[in-house]
Amino acid sequence: MDFIKDIWLFLRERKKYWLAPIIIVLLLLGFLIVFAGSSAMSPFIYTLF
């Protein structure tokens, strides 16, 4: 959790709010890939890529 807190403090202090959507999209894609590899829905999710 300290890593996430450090990123948020960096974004807020340096006024780099435009990086937040990029980080969120990358995290969502990462969770999707992890979820796709360990579920029964993986053949359907892999067709998206």
PDB file of N, CA and C in Angstrom:
ATOM      1  N   MET A   1       0.813  -1.195   0.000  1.00  0.00           N
ATOM      2  CA  MET A   1       0.000   0.000   0.000  1.00  0.00           C
ATOM      3  C   MET A   1       0.859   1.263   0.000  1.00  0.00           C
ATOM      4  N   ASP A   2       2.081   1.163   0.503  1.00  0.00           N
ATOM      5  CA  ASP A   2       2.941   2.346   0.505  1.00  0.00           C
ATOM      6  C   ASP A   2       3.290   2.774  -0.915  1.00  0.00           C
ATOM      7  N   PHE A   3       3.417   1.798  -1.815  1.00  0.00           N
ATOM      8  CA  PHE A   3       3.737   2.107  -3.202  1.00  0.00           C
ATOM      9  C   PHE A   3       2.616   2.927  -3.847  1.00  0.00           C
ATOM     10  N   ILE A   4       1.388   2.524  -3.604  1.00  0.00           N
ATOM     11  CA  ILE A   4       0.242   3.250  -4.164  1.00  0.00           C
ATOM     12  C   ILE A   4       0.154   4.646  -3.559  1.00  0.00           C
ATOM     13  N   LYS A   5       0.424   4.735  -2.276  1.00  0.00           N
ATOM     14  CA  LYS A   5       0.402   6.040  -1.605  1.00  0.00           C
ATOM     15  C   LYS A   5       1.492   6.952  -2.178  1.00  0.00           C
ATOM     16  N   ASP A   6       2.679   6.396  -2.416  1.00  0.00           N
ATOM     17  CA  ASP A   6       3.771   7.181  -2.990  1.00  0.00           C
ATOM     18  C   ASP A   6       3.437   7.673  -4.398  1.00  0.00           C
ATOM     19  N   ILE A   7       2.815   6.802  -5.190  1.00  0.00           N
ATOM     20  CA  ILE A   7       2.422   7.227  -6.540  1.00  0.00           C
ATOM     21  C   ILE A   7       1.408   8.353  -6.469  1.00  0.00           C
ATOM     22  N   TRP A   8       0.411   8.208  -5.599  1.00  0.00           N
ATOM     23  CA  TRP A   8      -0.608   9.250  -5.474  1.00  0.00           C
ATOM     24  C   TRP A   8       0.004  10.567  -5.007  1.00  0.00           C
ATOM     25  N   LEU A   9       0.901  10.518  -4.040  1.00  0.00           N
ATOM     26  CA  LEU A   9       1.551  11.736  -3.563  1.00  0.00           C
ATOM     27  C   LEU A   9       2.394  12.379  -4.659  1.00  0.00           C
ATOM     28  N   PHE A  10       3.072  11.556  -5.458  1.00  0.00           N
ATOM     29  CA  PHE A  10       3.857  12.076  -6.574  1.00  0.00           C
ATOM     30  C   PHE A  10       2.957  12.793  -7.584  1.00  0.00           C
ATOM     31  N   LEU A  11       1.850  12.129  -7.947  1.00  0.00           N
ATOM     32  CA  LEU A  11       0.935  12.736  -8.920  1.00  0.00           C
ATOM     33  C   LEU A  11       0.351  14.042  -8.394  1.00  0.00           C
ATOM     34  N   ARG A  12      -0.002  14.059  -7.129  1.00  0.00           N
ATOM     35  CA  ARG A  12      -0.616  15.257  -6.555  1.00  0.00           C
ATOM     36  C   ARG A  12       0.389  16.399  -6.404  1.00  0.00           C
ATOM     37  N   GLU A  13       1.590  16.059  -5.975  1.00  0.00           N
ATOM     38  CA  GLU A  13       2.603  17.092  -5.732  1.00  0.00           C
ATOM     39  C   GLU A  13       3.119  17.704  -7.031  1.00  0.00           C
ATOM     40  N   ARG A  14       3.315  16.899  -8.033  1.00  0.00           N
ATOM     41  CA  ARG A  14       3.876  17.368  -9.293  1.00  0.00           C
ATOM     42  C   ARG A  14       2.813  17.830 -10.291  1.00  0.00           C
ATOM     43  N   LYS A  15       1.532  17.744  -9.894  1.00  0.00           N
ATOM     44  CA  LYS A  15       0.407  18.158 -10.748  1.00  0.00           C
ATOM     45  C   LYS A  15       0.381  17.377 -12.060  1.00  0.00           C
ATOM     46  N   LYS A  16       0.634  16.083 -11.978  1.00  0.00           N
ATOM     47  CA  LYS A  16       0.633  15.226 -13.158  1.00  0.00           C
ATOM     48  C   LYS A  16      -0.617  14.346 -13.144  1.00  0.00           C
ATOM     49  N   TYR A  17      -1.767  14.998 -13.116  1.00  0.00           N
ATOM     50  CA  TYR A  17      -3.029  14.271 -13.044  1.00  0.00           C
ATOM     51  C   TYR A  17      -3.324  13.507 -14.330  1.00  0.00           C
ATOM     52  N   TRP A  18      -2.702  13.875 -15.424  1.00  0.00           N
ATOM     53  CA  TRP A  18      -2.939  13.190 -16.694  1.00  0.00           C
ATOM     54  C   TRP A  18      -2.382  11.777 -16.684  1.00  0.00           C
ATOM     55  N   LEU A  19      -1.486  11.467 -15.732  1.00  0.00           N
ATOM     56  CA  LEU A  19      -0.948  10.114 -15.633  1.00  0.00           C
ATOM     57  C   LEU A  19      -1.911   9.143 -14.955  1.00  0.00           C
ATOM     58  N   ALA A  20      -2.858   9.661 -14.189  1.00  0.00           N
ATOM     59  CA  ALA A  20      -3.783   8.796 -13.445  1.00  0.00           C
ATOM     60  C   ALA A  20      -4.595   7.881 -14.357  1.00  0.00           C
ATOM     61  N   PRO A  21      -5.209   8.374 -15.438  1.00  0.00           N
ATOM     62  CA  PRO A  21      -5.961   7.450 -16.292  1.00  0.00           C
ATOM     63  C   PRO A  21      -5.085   6.383 -16.947  1.00  0.00           C
ATOM     64  N   ILE A  22      -3.854   6.729 -17.272  1.00  0.00           N
ATOM     65  CA  ILE A  22      -2.949   5.753 -17.876  1.00  0.00           C
ATOM     66  C   ILE A  22      -2.640   4.645 -16.878  1.00  0.00           C
ATOM     67  N   ILE A  23      -2.365   5.011 -15.642  1.00  0.00           N
ATOM     68  CA  ILE A  23      -2.064   4.027 -14.602  1.00  0.00           C
ATOM     69  C   ILE A  23      -3.275   3.151 -14.337  1.00  0.00           C
ATOM     70  N   ILE A  24      -4.456   3.747 -14.297  1.00  0.00           N
ATOM     71  CA  ILE A  24      -5.679   2.978 -14.049  1.00  0.00           C
ATOM     72  C   ILE A  24      -5.928   1.973 -15.162  1.00  0.00           C
ATOM     73  N   VAL A  25      -5.761   2.394 -16.417  1.00  0.00           N
ATOM     74  CA  VAL A  25      -5.970   1.486 -17.546  1.00  0.00           C
ATOM     75  C   VAL A  25      -4.957   0.345 -17.517  1.00  0.00           C
ATOM     76  N   LEU A  26      -3.705   0.637 -17.201  1.00  0.00           N
ATOM     77  CA  LEU A  26      -2.696  -0.418 -17.117  1.00  0.00           C
ATOM     78  C   LEU A  26      -3.013  -1.413 -16.008  1.00  0.00           C
ATOM     79  N   LEU A  27      -3.487  -0.921 -14.872  1.00  0.00           N
ATOM     80  CA  LEU A  27      -3.867  -1.823 -13.785  1.00  0.00           C
ATOM     81  C   LEU A  27      -5.058  -2.692 -14.168  1.00  0.00           C
ATOM     82  N   LEU A  28      -6.048  -2.103 -14.834  1.00  0.00           N
ATOM     83  CA  LEU A  28      -7.207  -2.876 -15.271  1.00  0.00           C
ATOM     84  C   LEU A  28      -6.820  -3.950 -16.283  1.00  0.00           C
ATOM     85  N   LEU A  29      -5.936  -3.615 -17.206  1.00  0.00           N
ATOM     86  CA  LEU A  29      -5.466  -4.609 -18.163  1.00  0.00           C
ATOM     87  C   LEU A  29      -4.696  -5.731 -17.467  1.00  0.00           C
ATOM     88  N   GLY A  30      -3.908  -5.381 -16.483  1.00  0.00           N
ATOM     89  CA  GLY A  30      -3.181  -6.392 -15.716  1.00  0.00           C
ATOM     90  C   GLY A  30      -4.115  -7.324 -14.979  1.00  0.00           C
ATOM     91  N   PHE A  31      -5.148  -6.770 -14.336  1.00  0.00           N
ATOM     92  CA  PHE A  31      -6.124  -7.612 -13.651  1.00  0.00           C
ATOM     93  C   PHE A  31      -6.892  -8.478 -14.636  1.00  0.00           C
ATOM     94  N   LEU A  32      -7.191  -7.948 -15.807  1.00  0.00           N
ATOM     95  CA  LEU A  32      -7.898  -8.725 -16.817  1.00  0.00           C
ATOM     96  C   LEU A  32      -7.053  -9.903 -17.293  1.00  0.00           C
ATOM     97  N   ILE A  33      -5.772  -9.684 -17.482  1.00  0.00           N
ATOM     98  CA  ILE A  33      -4.883 -10.759 -17.924  1.00  0.00           C
ATOM     99  C   ILE A  33      -4.756 -11.826 -16.840  1.00  0.00           C
ATOM    100  N   VAL A  34      -4.630 -11.414 -15.595  1.00  0.00           N
ATOM    101  CA  VAL A  34      -4.546 -12.382 -14.497  1.00  0.00           C
ATOM    102  C   VAL A  34      -5.851 -13.155 -14.386  1.00  0.00           C
ATOM    103  N   PHE A  35      -6.968 -12.462 -14.495  1.00  0.00           N
ATOM    104  CA  PHE A  35      -8.272 -13.114 -14.412  1.00  0.00           C
ATOM    105  C   PHE A  35      -8.487 -14.058 -15.580  1.00  0.00           C
ATOM    106  N   ALA A  36      -8.032 -13.662 -16.744  1.00  0.00           N
ATOM    107  CA  ALA A  36      -8.221 -14.476 -17.946  1.00  0.00           C
ATOM    108  C   ALA A  36      -7.420 -15.771 -17.871  1.00  0.00           C
ATOM    109  N   GLY A  37      -6.306 -15.739 -17.226  1.00  0.00           N
ATOM    110  CA  GLY A  37      -5.483 -16.941 -17.145  1.00  0.00           C
ATOM    111  C   GLY A  37      -5.959 -17.948 -16.126  1.00  0.00           C
ATOM    112  N   SER A  38      -6.822 -17.533 -15.216  1.00  0.00           N
ATOM    113  CA  SER A  38      -7.199 -18.442 -14.135  1.00  0.00           C
ATOM    114  C   SER A  38      -8.709 -18.658 -14.027  1.00  0.00           C
ATOM    115  N   SER A  39      -9.431 -18.516 -15.115  1.00  0.00           N
ATOM    116  CA  SER A  39     -10.876 -18.706 -15.023  1.00  0.00           C
ATOM    117  C   SER A  39     -11.385 -19.522 -16.202  1.00  0.00           C
ATOM    118  N   ALA A  40     -12.616 -19.922 -16.096  1.00  0.00           N
ATOM    119  CA  ALA A  40     -13.250 -20.670 -17.183  1.00  0.00           C
ATOM    120  C   ALA A  40     -13.609 -19.763 -18.344  1.00  0.00           C
ATOM    121  N   MET A  41     -13.590 -18.474 -18.125  1.00  0.00           N
ATOM    122  CA  MET A  41     -13.924 -17.506 -19.173  1.00  0.00           C
ATOM    123  C   MET A  41     -12.717 -17.165 -20.042  1.00  0.00           C
ATOM    124  N   SER A  42     -11.579 -17.770 -19.787  1.00  0.00           N
ATOM    125  CA  SER A  42     -10.355 -17.399 -20.498  1.00  0.00           C
ATOM    126  C   SER A  42     -10.450 -17.516 -22.018  1.00  0.00           C
ATOM    127  N   PRO A  43     -11.098 -18.538 -22.605  1.00  0.00           N
ATOM    128  CA  PRO A  43     -11.173 -18.554 -24.076  1.00  0.00           C
ATOM    129  C   PRO A  43     -11.918 -17.355 -24.653  1.00  0.00           C
ATOM    130  N   PHE A  44     -12.895 -16.858 -23.909  1.00  0.00           N
ATOM    131  CA  PHE A  44     -13.671 -15.721 -24.396  1.00  0.00           C
ATOM    132  C   PHE A  44     -12.913 -14.397 -24.223  1.00  0.00           C
ATOM    133  N   ILE A  45     -12.146 -14.304 -23.148  1.00  0.00           N
ATOM    134  CA  ILE A  45     -11.389 -13.081 -22.901  1.00  0.00           C
ATOM    135  C   ILE A  45     -10.201 -13.008 -23.858  1.00  0.00           C
ATOM    136  N   TYR A  46      -9.588 -14.144 -24.175  1.00  0.00           N
ATOM    137  CA  TYR A  46      -8.454 -14.131 -25.086  1.00  0.00           C
ATOM    138  C   TYR A  46      -8.842 -13.670 -26.488  1.00  0.00           C
ATOM    139  N   THR A  47     -10.100 -13.860 -26.853  1.00  0.00           N
ATOM    140  CA  THR A  47     -10.525 -13.389 -28.185  1.00  0.00           C
ATOM    141  C   THR A  47     -10.541 -11.872 -28.275  1.00  0.00           C
ATOM    142  N   LEU A  48     -10.580 -11.188 -27.138  1.00  0.00           N
ATOM    143  CA  LEU A  48     -10.532  -9.723 -27.151  1.00  0.00           C
ATOM    144  C   LEU A  48      -9.163  -9.222 -27.576  1.00  0.00           C
ATOM    145  N   PHE A  49      -8.129  -9.995 -27.321  1.00  0.00           N
ATOM    146  CA  PHE A  49      -6.784  -9.577 -27.639  1.00  0.00           C
ATOM    147  C   PHE A  49      -6.375 -10.157 -28.970  1.00  0.00           C
TER     148      PHE A  49
END
